[in-house]
Amino acid sequence: MDYIEVSIYPALEEKREIIISLLAEENFESFAEQGNELLAYIAADKYVPEKVGNICSQLEVRFTEKRIPAQNWNAEWEKNFEPVLIAGKCFIRAPFHAPRPDYPFELIIEPKMSFGTAHHETTGMMIEMMMGMDFQNKKVLDMGCGTGILAILACRMGASEVVAIDNDIWAFSNALENKERNHSLPMTVKLGDISDAGTGYDVLLANINRNVLLTQIPAYSKSLKTGDLLLSGFYEEDLEIIRKTAESFEFVLDRVLIKNRWIAARFSK
């Protein structure tokens, strides 16, 4: 999948949060700050330049755009990727890094064009949340699985059945490959969406984005019989609407992690 990088300038500090909030509502997935410039990324098939133009016009800022071909993501990753250690327990490495069997959990992840290496705050916080939970003999759903990293970890932590779903063909293929790299996991990978999930889960993991989470929380309630719902992929200012929506479907907020304005939240039902 190609992405569009939108550069917005001058994105002064007092305007940055407003810009990010408005763009997040238009399906932008991630952001990076570069001096007085804000870089925003969105899947090419969801990009509507007129909407960005309207936002920039209202806030009196300018923007430029460029297309980033899918094949470029892997080259950049291979150039910069370093192993990651989460909570002193979970070691995430690429196939070309040296093994570290001295840690309780070692995951081998090659992301290619998919999201999920634990370098991003949201994935790291989801893993940190998982480290404090009991997955023994649990049925787990990883919705929007990307590389499959969370599903693989759930397997390693003792889950008896794990279903990993993504609607992107690159992510689907990548998660299958990573499943094989990590050997003999009770994990099923599906190309699809929440309607393909089924029901009866004990734990549901969803590291996606604000808009998708808000749309899918009602379906999460049907898929999760009782147990834990872990959500990430949204900012601090979005927590209130996420919480209210989850509470309207009988979820109770138990724990929140915050890192660089990103949120991971655990709900129970």
C-alpha atoms as a PDB file:
ATOM      1  CA  MET A   1       0.000   0.000   0.000  1.00  0.00           C
ATOM      2  CA  ASP A   2       1.333   3.435  -0.952  1.00  0.00           C
ATOM      3  CA  TYR A   3       1.236   6.241   1.596  1.00  0.00           C
ATOM      4  CA  ILE A   4       0.992  10.008   1.281  1.00  0.00           C
ATOM      5  CA  GLU A   5       3.309  12.161   3.372  1.00  0.00           C
ATOM      6  CA  VAL A   6       1.811  15.599   3.968  1.00  0.00           C
ATOM      7  CA  SER A   7       4.172  18.311   5.202  1.00  0.00           C
ATOM      8  CA  ILE A   8       2.416  21.158   7.045  1.00  0.00           C
ATOM      9  CA  TYR A   9       4.226  24.392   7.880  1.00  0.00           C
ATOM     10  CA  PRO A  10       4.653  26.522   9.843  1.00  0.00           C
ATOM     11  CA  ALA A  11       3.109  24.104  12.371  1.00  0.00           C
ATOM     12  CA  LEU A  12       3.834  26.189  15.434  1.00  0.00           C
ATOM     13  CA  GLU A  13       3.381  24.564  18.829  1.00  0.00           C
ATOM     14  CA  GLU A  14       0.113  26.333  19.615  1.00  0.00           C
ATOM     15  CA  LYS A  15      -1.478  24.933  16.426  1.00  0.00           C
ATOM     16  CA  ARG A  16       0.042  21.454  16.395  1.00  0.00           C
ATOM     17  CA  GLU A  17      -2.499  19.636  18.577  1.00  0.00           C
ATOM     18  CA  ILE A  18      -5.399  21.153  16.648  1.00  0.00           C
ATOM     19  CA  ILE A  19      -3.884  20.104  13.316  1.00  0.00           C
ATOM     20  CA  ILE A  20      -3.218  16.568  14.532  1.00  0.00           C
ATOM     21  CA  SER A  21      -6.724  16.224  15.962  1.00  0.00           C
ATOM     22  CA  LEU A  22      -8.371  17.402  12.731  1.00  0.00           C
ATOM     23  CA  LEU A  23      -6.196  15.218  10.512  1.00  0.00           C
ATOM     24  CA  ALA A  24      -6.783  12.170  12.727  1.00  0.00           C
ATOM     25  CA  GLU A  25     -10.492  12.592  12.014  1.00  0.00           C
ATOM     26  CA  GLU A  26      -9.650  12.369   8.290  1.00  0.00           C
ATOM     27  CA  ASN A  27      -7.923   8.957   8.613  1.00  0.00           C
ATOM     28  CA  PHE A  28      -4.325  10.144   9.039  1.00  0.00           C
ATOM     29  CA  GLU A  29      -2.513   7.404  10.935  1.00  0.00           C
ATOM     30  CA  SER A  30       0.728   8.860  12.281  1.00  0.00           C
ATOM     31  CA  PHE A  31       2.591  12.123  12.762  1.00  0.00           C
ATOM     32  CA  ALA A  32       6.158  13.338  13.204  1.00  0.00           C
ATOM     33  CA  GLU A  33       7.484  16.737  14.234  1.00  0.00           C
ATOM     34  CA  GLN A  34      10.409  18.300  12.427  1.00  0.00           C
ATOM     35  CA  GLY A  35      11.170  21.808  13.652  1.00  0.00           C
ATOM     36  CA  ASN A  36       8.245  24.025  12.642  1.00  0.00           C
ATOM     37  CA  GLU A  37       7.043  21.344  10.246  1.00  0.00           C
ATOM     38  CA  LEU A  38       4.510  18.594  10.957  1.00  0.00           C
ATOM     39  CA  LEU A  39       4.659  15.426   8.865  1.00  0.00           C
ATOM     40  CA  ALA A  40       1.403  13.479   8.594  1.00  0.00           C
ATOM     41  CA  TYR A  41       0.927  10.064   6.984  1.00  0.00           C
ATOM     42  CA  ILE A  42      -2.156   8.503   5.435  1.00  0.00           C
ATOM     43  CA  ALA A  43      -2.885   5.517   3.194  1.00  0.00           C
ATOM     44  CA  ALA A  44      -3.017   6.782  -0.394  1.00  0.00           C
ATOM     45  CA  ASP A  45      -6.500   5.384  -1.029  1.00  0.00           C
ATOM     46  CA  LYS A  46      -7.901   7.407   1.905  1.00  0.00           C
ATOM     47  CA  TYR A  47      -6.253  10.715   1.036  1.00  0.00           C
ATOM     48  CA  VAL A  48      -8.541  13.622   0.082  1.00  0.00           C
ATOM     49  CA  PRO A  49      -6.342  16.687  -0.621  1.00  0.00           C
ATOM     50  CA  GLU A  50      -9.322  19.054  -0.559  1.00  0.00           C
ATOM     51  CA  LYS A  51      -9.999  18.202   3.091  1.00  0.00           C
ATOM     52  CA  VAL A  52      -6.376  18.863   4.027  1.00  0.00           C
ATOM     53  CA  GLY A  53      -6.514  22.108   2.075  1.00  0.00           C
ATOM     54  CA  ASN A  54      -9.604  23.226   3.993  1.00  0.00           C
ATOM     55  CA  ILE A  55      -7.975  22.463   7.354  1.00  0.00           C
ATOM     56  CA  CYS A  56      -4.782  24.299   6.421  1.00  0.00           C
ATOM     57  CA  SER A  57      -6.739  27.278   5.103  1.00  0.00           C
ATOM     58  CA  GLN A  58      -8.692  27.585   8.361  1.00  0.00           C
ATOM     59  CA  LEU A  59      -5.496  27.491  10.429  1.00  0.00           C
ATOM     60  CA  GLU A  60      -3.502  29.692   8.042  1.00  0.00           C
ATOM     61  CA  VAL A  61      -0.767  27.154   7.343  1.00  0.00           C
ATOM     62  CA  ARG A  62       0.537  25.663   4.091  1.00  0.00           C
ATOM     63  CA  PHE A  63       1.086  22.078   2.996  1.00  0.00           C
ATOM     64  CA  THR A  64       2.897  19.980   0.425  1.00  0.00           C
ATOM     65  CA  GLU A  65       2.462  16.299  -0.329  1.00  0.00           C
ATOM     66  CA  LYS A  66       4.435  13.403  -1.733  1.00  0.00           C
ATOM     67  CA  ARG A  67       3.634   9.778  -2.435  1.00  0.00           C
ATOM     68  CA  ILE A  68       5.743   7.126  -0.690  1.00  0.00           C
ATOM     69  CA  PRO A  69       5.670   3.811  -2.601  1.00  0.00           C
ATOM     70  CA  ALA A  70       5.080   0.732  -0.471  1.00  0.00           C
ATOM     71  CA  GLN A  71       8.403  -0.840  -1.394  1.00  0.00           C
ATOM     72  CA  ASN A  72      10.292   2.034   0.241  1.00  0.00           C
ATOM     73  CA  TRP A  73       9.093   1.242   3.766  1.00  0.00           C
ATOM     74  CA  ASN A  74      11.057  -1.982   4.063  1.00  0.00           C
ATOM     75  CA  ALA A  75      14.309  -0.403   2.893  1.00  0.00           C
ATOM     76  CA  GLU A  76      13.986   2.341   5.500  1.00  0.00           C
ATOM     77  CA  TRP A  77      13.170  -0.188   8.215  1.00  0.00           C
ATOM     78  CA  GLU A  78      16.147  -2.409   7.423  1.00  0.00           C
ATOM     79  CA  LYS A  79      18.427   0.627   7.540  1.00  0.00           C
ATOM     80  CA  ASN A  80      17.233   1.783  10.982  1.00  0.00           C
ATOM     81  CA  PHE A  81      15.850  -1.227  12.829  1.00  0.00           C
ATOM     82  CA  GLU A  82      17.319  -2.049  16.245  1.00  0.00           C
ATOM     83  CA  PRO A  83      16.143  -4.713  18.725  1.00  0.00           C
ATOM     84  CA  VAL A  84      13.681  -3.571  21.400  1.00  0.00           C
ATOM     85  CA  LEU A  85      13.308  -4.689  25.016  1.00  0.00           C
ATOM     86  CA  ILE A  86       9.953  -4.058  26.710  1.00  0.00           C
ATOM     87  CA  ALA A  87       9.488  -4.190  30.495  1.00  0.00           C
ATOM     88  CA  GLY A  88      12.752  -6.086  30.857  1.00  0.00           C
ATOM     89  CA  LYS A  89      10.993  -9.254  29.650  1.00  0.00           C
ATOM     90  CA  CYS A  90      10.049  -9.107  25.986  1.00  0.00           C
ATOM     91  CA  PHE A  91      12.893  -8.908  23.448  1.00  0.00           C
ATOM     92  CA  ILE A  92      11.848  -8.094  19.870  1.00  0.00           C
ATOM     93  CA  ARG A  93      14.391  -8.594  17.119  1.00  0.00           C
ATOM     94  CA  ALA A  94      14.661  -9.074  13.378  1.00  0.00           C
ATOM     95  CA  PRO A  95      15.824 -12.372  11.835  1.00  0.00           C
ATOM     96  CA  PHE A  96      19.294 -10.913  11.243  1.00  0.00           C
ATOM     97  CA  HIS A  97      19.858  -9.950  14.903  1.00  0.00           C
ATOM     98  CA  ALA A  98      21.581 -12.258  17.385  1.00  0.00           C
ATOM     99  CA  PRO A  99      19.211 -14.412  19.503  1.00  0.00           C
ATOM    100  CA  ARG A 100      18.668 -13.526  23.184  1.00  0.00           C
ATOM    101  CA  PRO A 101      17.173 -16.631  24.809  1.00  0.00           C
ATOM    102  CA  ASP A 102      17.990 -15.205  28.250  1.00  0.00           C
ATOM    103  CA  TYR A 103      14.785 -13.131  28.168  1.00  0.00           C
ATOM    104  CA  PRO A 104      11.419 -14.748  29.056  1.00  0.00           C
ATOM    105  CA  PHE A 105       9.935 -13.799  25.678  1.00  0.00           C
ATOM    106  CA  GLU A 106      11.846 -13.418  22.433  1.00  0.00           C
ATOM    107  CA  LEU A 107       9.900 -12.464  19.293  1.00  0.00           C
ATOM    108  CA  ILE A 108      11.320 -12.499  15.768  1.00  0.00           C
ATOM    109  CA  ILE A 109       9.571  -9.835  13.721  1.00  0.00           C
ATOM    110  CA  GLU A 110      10.249  -8.705  10.162  1.00  0.00           C
ATOM    111  CA  PRO A 111       7.711  -5.939   9.491  1.00  0.00           C
ATOM    112  CA  LYS A 112       8.175  -5.333   5.749  1.00  0.00           C
ATOM    113  CA  MET A 113       5.282  -2.965   4.907  1.00  0.00           C
ATOM    114  CA  SER A 114       3.286  -3.671   8.092  1.00  0.00           C
ATOM    115  CA  PHE A 115       2.956  -1.781  11.380  1.00  0.00           C
ATOM    116  CA  GLY A 116       4.247  -3.297  14.601  1.00  0.00           C
ATOM    117  CA  THR A 117       7.856  -3.603  15.755  1.00  0.00           C
ATOM    118  CA  ALA A 118       7.469  -2.102  19.278  1.00  0.00           C
ATOM    119  CA  HIS A 119       9.498   0.921  18.219  1.00  0.00           C
ATOM    120  CA  HIS A 120       6.301   2.959  18.084  1.00  0.00           C
ATOM    121  CA  GLU A 121       4.904   4.031  21.447  1.00  0.00           C
ATOM    122  CA  THR A 122       1.531   2.354  20.898  1.00  0.00           C
ATOM    123  CA  THR A 123       2.918  -1.118  20.212  1.00  0.00           C
ATOM    124  CA  GLY A 124       5.398  -0.821  23.071  1.00  0.00           C
ATOM    125  CA  MET A 125       2.669   0.174  25.527  1.00  0.00           C
ATOM    126  CA  MET A 126       0.367  -2.629  24.364  1.00  0.00           C
ATOM    127  CA  ILE A 127       3.173  -5.104  25.060  1.00  0.00           C
ATOM    128  CA  GLU A 128       3.834  -3.513  28.443  1.00  0.00           C
ATOM    129  CA  MET A 129       0.132  -3.904  29.299  1.00  0.00           C
ATOM    130  CA  MET A 130       0.203  -7.525  28.185  1.00  0.00           C
ATOM    131  CA  MET A 131       3.224  -8.254  30.393  1.00  0.00           C
ATOM    132  CA  GLY A 132       1.045  -7.667  33.451  1.00  0.00           C
ATOM    133  CA  MET A 133      -1.754  -9.999  32.363  1.00  0.00           C
ATOM    134  CA  ASP A 134      -2.521 -13.709  32.453  1.00  0.00           C
ATOM    135  CA  PHE A 135      -2.957 -15.262  28.992  1.00  0.00           C
ATOM    136  CA  GLN A 136      -2.869 -18.903  30.056  1.00  0.00           C
ATOM    137  CA  ASN A 137      -5.516 -20.910  28.156  1.00  0.00           C
ATOM    138  CA  LYS A 138      -7.195 -17.715  26.935  1.00  0.00           C
ATOM    139  CA  LYS A 139      -8.848 -17.174  23.545  1.00  0.00           C
ATOM    140  CA  VAL A 140      -7.432 -13.953  22.072  1.00  0.00           C
ATOM    141  CA  LEU A 141      -8.319 -11.699  19.141  1.00  0.00           C
ATOM    142  CA  ASP A 142      -5.720  -9.315  17.670  1.00  0.00           C
ATOM    143  CA  MET A 143      -7.743  -6.911  15.524  1.00  0.00           C
ATOM    144  CA  GLY A 144      -5.741  -4.962  12.929  1.00  0.00           C
ATOM    145  CA  CYS A 145      -2.781  -7.224  13.626  1.00  0.00           C
ATOM    146  CA  GLY A 146      -0.161  -5.648  11.328  1.00  0.00           C
ATOM    147  CA  THR A 147       3.007  -7.725  11.734  1.00  0.00           C
ATOM    148  CA  GLY A 148       1.189 -10.052  14.133  1.00  0.00           C
ATOM    149  CA  ILE A 149       3.482  -9.069  16.998  1.00  0.00           C
ATOM    150  CA  LEU A 150       0.755  -8.881  19.672  1.00  0.00           C
ATOM    151  CA  ALA A 151      -0.855 -12.135  18.554  1.00  0.00           C
ATOM    152  CA  ILE A 152       2.524 -13.888  18.613  1.00  0.00           C
ATOM    153  CA  LEU A 153       3.228 -12.577  22.108  1.00  0.00           C
ATOM    154  CA  ALA A 154      -0.197 -13.775  23.311  1.00  0.00           C
ATOM    155  CA  CYS A 155       0.685 -17.251  22.030  1.00  0.00           C
ATOM    156  CA  ARG A 156       4.034 -17.141  23.795  1.00  0.00           C
ATOM    157  CA  MET A 157       2.288 -16.109  27.016  1.00  0.00           C
ATOM    158  CA  GLY A 158       0.154 -19.232  27.001  1.00  0.00           C
ATOM    159  CA  ALA A 159      -2.993 -18.392  25.025  1.00  0.00           C
ATOM    160  CA  SER A 160      -4.728 -21.536  23.788  1.00  0.00           C
ATOM    161  CA  GLU A 161      -6.224 -19.917  20.672  1.00  0.00           C
ATOM    162  CA  VAL A 162      -5.292 -16.655  18.942  1.00  0.00           C
ATOM    163  CA  VAL A 163      -6.958 -15.102  15.899  1.00  0.00           C
ATOM    164  CA  ALA A 164      -5.111 -12.273  14.104  1.00  0.00           C
ATOM    165  CA  ILE A 165      -7.044 -10.216  11.543  1.00  0.00           C
ATOM    166  CA  ASP A 166      -6.046  -7.397   9.194  1.00  0.00           C
ATOM    167  CA  ASN A 167      -7.780  -5.967   6.126  1.00  0.00           C
ATOM    168  CA  ASP A 168      -4.487  -5.143   4.373  1.00  0.00           C
ATOM    169  CA  ILE A 169      -3.019  -7.864   2.135  1.00  0.00           C
ATOM    170  CA  TRP A 170       0.569  -6.844   3.021  1.00  0.00           C
ATOM    171  CA  ALA A 171      -0.155  -7.154   6.742  1.00  0.00           C
ATOM    172  CA  PHE A 172      -1.939 -10.476   6.255  1.00  0.00           C
ATOM    173  CA  SER A 173       1.030 -11.945   4.362  1.00  0.00           C
ATOM    174  CA  ASN A 174       3.529 -10.451   6.794  1.00  0.00           C
ATOM    175  CA  ALA A 175       1.705 -11.824   9.853  1.00  0.00           C
ATOM    176  CA  LEU A 176       1.685 -15.295   8.273  1.00  0.00           C
ATOM    177  CA  GLU A 177       5.432 -15.061   7.675  1.00  0.00           C
ATOM    178  CA  ASN A 178       6.097 -13.897  11.236  1.00  0.00           C
ATOM    179  CA  LYS A 179       3.949 -16.711  12.598  1.00  0.00           C
ATOM    180  CA  GLU A 180       6.224 -19.193  10.805  1.00  0.00           C
ATOM    181  CA  ARG A 181       9.362 -17.419  12.052  1.00  0.00           C
ATOM    182  CA  ASN A 182       8.196 -17.911  15.638  1.00  0.00           C
ATOM    183  CA  HIS A 183       7.315 -21.620  15.221  1.00  0.00           C
ATOM    184  CA  SER A 184       4.339 -23.758  16.169  1.00  0.00           C
ATOM    185  CA  LEU A 185       1.934 -21.120  17.444  1.00  0.00           C
ATOM    186  CA  PRO A 186      -1.802 -21.690  18.136  1.00  0.00           C
ATOM    187  CA  MET A 187      -2.492 -18.723  15.843  1.00  0.00           C
ATOM    188  CA  THR A 188      -4.841 -18.253  12.896  1.00  0.00           C
ATOM    189  CA  VAL A 189      -4.263 -15.299  10.550  1.00  0.00           C
ATOM    190  CA  LYS A 190      -7.194 -13.941   8.536  1.00  0.00           C
ATOM    191  CA  LEU A 191      -7.540 -11.355   5.785  1.00  0.00           C
ATOM    192  CA  GLY A 192     -10.708  -9.492   6.703  1.00  0.00           C
ATOM    193  CA  ASP A 193     -12.319  -7.185   9.242  1.00  0.00           C
ATOM    194  CA  ILE A 194     -14.188  -7.327  12.534  1.00  0.00           C
ATOM    195  CA  SER A 195     -17.105  -9.125  10.875  1.00  0.00           C
ATOM    196  CA  ASP A 196     -14.780 -12.117  10.384  1.00  0.00           C
ATOM    197  CA  ALA A 197     -13.768 -12.282  14.045  1.00  0.00           C
ATOM    198  CA  GLY A 198     -16.442 -14.459  15.604  1.00  0.00           C
ATOM    199  CA  THR A 199     -17.216 -14.445  19.325  1.00  0.00           C
ATOM    200  CA  GLY A 200     -16.214 -15.973  22.654  1.00  0.00           C
ATOM    201  CA  TYR A 201     -12.886 -14.204  23.208  1.00  0.00           C
ATOM    202  CA  ASP A 202     -11.306 -13.674  26.633  1.00  0.00           C
ATOM    203  CA  VAL A 203      -8.918 -10.912  25.488  1.00  0.00           C
ATOM    204  CA  LEU A 204      -9.248  -8.506  22.575  1.00  0.00           C
ATOM    205  CA  LEU A 205      -6.278  -6.434  21.357  1.00  0.00           C
ATOM    206  CA  ALA A 206      -6.730  -3.492  18.975  1.00  0.00           C
ATOM    207  CA  ASN A 207      -3.903  -1.089  18.174  1.00  0.00           C
ATOM    208  CA  ILE A 208      -5.443   0.816  15.264  1.00  0.00           C
ATOM    209  CA  ASN A 209      -6.558   4.465  15.326  1.00  0.00           C
ATOM    210  CA  ARG A 210      -9.193   6.632  16.974  1.00  0.00           C
ATOM    211  CA  ASN A 211     -11.781   6.543  14.192  1.00  0.00           C
ATOM    212  CA  VAL A 212     -11.654   2.801  13.599  1.00  0.00           C
ATOM    213  CA  LEU A 213     -11.763   2.050  17.325  1.00  0.00           C
ATOM    214  CA  LEU A 214     -14.838   4.222  17.827  1.00  0.00           C
ATOM    215  CA  THR A 215     -16.566   2.475  14.921  1.00  0.00           C
ATOM    216  CA  GLN A 216     -15.650  -1.025  16.064  1.00  0.00           C
ATOM    217  CA  ILE A 217     -16.131  -0.879  19.856  1.00  0.00           C
ATOM    218  CA  PRO A 218     -19.757  -2.092  19.528  1.00  0.00           C
ATOM    219  CA  ALA A 219     -18.488  -5.154  17.640  1.00  0.00           C
ATOM    220  CA  TYR A 220     -15.723  -5.692  20.197  1.00  0.00           C
ATOM    221  CA  SER A 221     -18.416  -5.938  22.858  1.00  0.00           C
ATOM    222  CA  LYS A 222     -20.072  -8.773  20.930  1.00  0.00           C
ATOM    223  CA  SER A 223     -16.787 -10.600  20.285  1.00  0.00           C
ATOM    224  CA  LEU A 224     -15.578 -10.402  23.894  1.00  0.00           C
ATOM    225  CA  LYS A 225     -17.686 -12.527  26.242  1.00  0.00           C
ATOM    226  CA  THR A 226     -16.012 -11.338  29.462  1.00  0.00           C
ATOM    227  CA  GLY A 227     -12.417 -10.292  29.974  1.00  0.00           C
ATOM    228  CA  ASP A 228     -10.010  -7.598  28.832  1.00  0.00           C
ATOM    229  CA  LEU A 229     -10.054  -5.106  25.972  1.00  0.00           C
ATOM    230  CA  LEU A 230      -6.720  -3.411  25.213  1.00  0.00           C
ATOM    231  CA  LEU A 231      -6.839  -0.383  22.928  1.00  0.00           C
ATOM    232  CA  SER A 232      -4.169   1.919  21.524  1.00  0.00           C
ATOM    233  CA  GLY A 233      -3.431   4.076  18.499  1.00  0.00           C
ATOM    234  CA  PHE A 234      -4.935   7.337  19.763  1.00  0.00           C
ATOM    235  CA  TYR A 235      -3.866  10.492  21.601  1.00  0.00           C
ATOM    236  CA  GLU A 236      -4.468  11.754  25.144  1.00  0.00           C
ATOM    237  CA  GLU A 237      -7.212  14.121  23.986  1.00  0.00           C
ATOM    238  CA  ASP A 238      -9.112  11.160  22.485  1.00  0.00           C
ATOM    239  CA  LEU A 239      -9.225   9.114  25.693  1.00  0.00           C
ATOM    240  CA  GLU A 240     -12.453  10.685  26.956  1.00  0.00           C
ATOM    241  CA  ILE A 241     -14.507   9.828  23.858  1.00  0.00           C
ATOM    242  CA  ILE A 242     -12.952   6.348  23.697  1.00  0.00           C
ATOM    243  CA  ARG A 243     -13.781   5.810  27.385  1.00  0.00           C
ATOM    244  CA  LYS A 244     -17.376   7.036  27.057  1.00  0.00           C
ATOM    245  CA  THR A 245     -17.988   4.870  24.012  1.00  0.00           C
ATOM    246  CA  ALA A 246     -16.503   1.805  25.693  1.00  0.00           C
ATOM    247  CA  GLU A 247     -18.511   2.408  28.883  1.00  0.00           C
ATOM    248  CA  SER A 248     -21.721   2.558  26.861  1.00  0.00           C
ATOM    249  CA  PHE A 249     -21.005  -1.074  25.910  1.00  0.00           C
ATOM    250  CA  GLU A 250     -20.373  -2.255  29.497  1.00  0.00           C
ATOM    251  CA  PHE A 251     -16.579  -1.834  29.526  1.00  0.00           C
ATOM    252  CA  VAL A 252     -14.828  -0.391  32.584  1.00  0.00           C
ATOM    253  CA  LEU A 253     -11.521   1.470  32.286  1.00  0.00           C
ATOM    254  CA  ASP A 254      -8.865  -0.282  34.425  1.00  0.00           C
ATOM    255  CA  ARG A 255      -5.482   1.090  33.396  1.00  0.00           C
ATOM    256  CA  VAL A 256      -3.932   3.789  31.190  1.00  0.00           C
ATOM    257  CA  LEU A 257      -0.385   4.207  29.900  1.00  0.00           C
ATOM    258  CA  ILE A 258       0.809   7.454  28.289  1.00  0.00           C
ATOM    259  CA  LYS A 259       3.934   8.023  26.230  1.00  0.00           C
ATOM    260  CA  ASN A 260       4.610  11.088  24.073  1.00  0.00           C
ATOM    261  CA  ARG A 261       0.874  11.860  24.092  1.00  0.00           C
ATOM    262  CA  TRP A 262      -0.019   8.384  22.808  1.00  0.00           C
ATOM    263  CA  ILE A 263      -2.397   6.283  24.923  1.00  0.00           C
ATOM    264  CA  ALA A 264      -2.837   2.601  25.673  1.00  0.00           C
ATOM    265  CA  ALA A 265      -5.915   1.728  27.716  1.00  0.00           C
ATOM    266  CA  ARG A 266      -7.148  -1.509  29.273  1.00  0.00           C
ATOM    267  CA  PHE A 267     -10.853  -2.048  29.801  1.00  0.00           C
ATOM    268  CA  SER A 268     -12.592  -4.983  31.468  1.00  0.00           C
ATOM    269  CA  LYS A 269     -16.039  -6.428  30.953  1.00  0.00           C
END
